[in-house]
Amino acid sequence: MEYHIKDTTKGPVVWRVRATRFVLHAGADRTEKWLLIAKNPLDGEVKYFLSNAPASMPVESLLTVAFTRLESGA
C-alpha cells in the first residue's frame, strides 16, 4: 500500500509500505511487535522499521514517527 509521508519543495514523498505484526522467537521477549518495510518507488531504496507500539496503532502513525526519527538522526 502507498503512504504519503510528507510534502517537500520537490513534491510529495510517497513510499510503498508493507506492515505486519510478529513475535520474535529468539530471546525472552515474546511480545508482538510491528515490522514495517518501506520502499521508495522512485529510487528503490528500502527501509525497515521495528516498533513495540500496540496493535491498535495505525500504520500511518507508525510511519510518521519512523520517518521523523530518521530526519532527526535518532
Protein backbone atom coordinates (compact mmCIF):
# COMPACT_ATOMS: atom_id res chain seq x y z
CA MET A 1 0.00 0.00 0.00
CA GLU A 2 1.29 3.53 -0.71
CA TYR A 3 1.52 6.11 2.07
CA HIS A 4 2.05 9.84 1.78
CA ILE A 5 4.86 10.61 4.23
CA LYS A 6 5.27 14.36 3.81
CA ASP A 7 5.38 17.24 1.35
CA THR A 8 8.68 18.77 0.26
CA THR A 9 9.67 21.53 -2.12
CA LYS A 10 10.14 18.80 -4.75
CA GLY A 11 6.62 17.45 -4.18
CA PRO A 12 5.02 14.74 -2.08
CA VAL A 13 7.09 11.92 -0.60
CA VAL A 14 5.26 8.62 -1.07
CA TRP A 15 6.54 5.19 -0.01
CA ARG A 16 5.14 1.71 -0.64
CA VAL A 17 4.76 0.02 2.72
CA ARG A 18 4.02 -3.47 4.00
CA ALA A 19 3.24 -3.86 7.69
CA THR A 20 2.70 -6.91 9.85
CA ARG A 21 2.68 -7.98 13.49
CA PHE A 22 5.10 -10.70 14.57
CA VAL A 23 6.62 -12.40 17.61
CA LEU A 24 10.38 -12.80 17.67
CA HIS A 25 11.16 -16.35 18.74
CA ALA A 26 14.72 -15.65 19.85
CA GLY A 27 15.35 -14.37 23.35
CA ALA A 28 12.97 -13.97 26.26
CA ASP A 29 10.73 -11.23 24.84
CA ARG A 30 7.64 -12.88 23.33
CA THR A 31 5.55 -9.73 22.90
CA GLU A 32 4.15 -8.83 19.49
CA LYS A 33 5.97 -6.16 17.53
CA TRP A 34 5.39 -4.26 14.30
CA LEU A 35 7.58 -4.82 11.24
CA LEU A 36 7.28 -2.19 8.52
CA ILE A 37 9.08 -2.49 5.21
CA ALA A 38 9.04 0.74 3.20
CA LYS A 39 10.23 1.06 -0.40
CA ASN A 40 10.72 4.32 -2.25
CA PRO A 41 9.20 3.70 -5.70
CA LEU A 42 11.36 6.43 -7.27
CA ASP A 43 14.81 5.06 -6.44
CA GLY A 44 14.15 1.59 -4.95
CA GLU A 45 15.56 2.46 -1.51
CA VAL A 46 14.24 0.13 1.19
CA LYS A 47 13.92 0.91 4.91
CA TYR A 48 12.96 -1.46 7.73
CA PHE A 49 11.30 -0.36 10.96
CA LEU A 50 10.52 -2.31 14.14
CA SER A 51 8.13 -1.00 16.76
CA ASN A 52 6.71 -2.18 20.06
CA ALA A 53 3.62 0.02 19.60
CA PRO A 54 0.28 -1.64 20.33
CA ALA A 55 -1.59 -3.49 17.57
CA SER A 56 -4.23 -0.75 17.61
CA MET A 57 -1.70 1.86 16.41
CA PRO A 58 -2.45 2.93 12.81
CA VAL A 59 0.31 2.28 10.28
CA GLU A 60 0.17 5.97 9.30
CA SER A 61 1.13 6.94 12.86
CA LEU A 62 3.98 4.44 12.94
CA LEU A 63 5.34 5.85 9.68
CA THR A 64 5.11 9.43 10.93
CA VAL A 65 7.21 8.54 13.96
CA ALA A 66 9.67 6.39 11.99
CA PHE A 67 10.39 8.97 9.32
CA THR A 68 10.56 11.81 11.85
CA ARG A 69 13.18 9.89 13.81
CA LEU A 70 15.21 9.36 10.61
CA GLU A 71 15.27 13.10 9.93
CA SER A 72 16.34 13.95 13.46
CA GLY A 73 19.06 11.29 13.49
CA ALA A 74 17.52 9.50 16.48
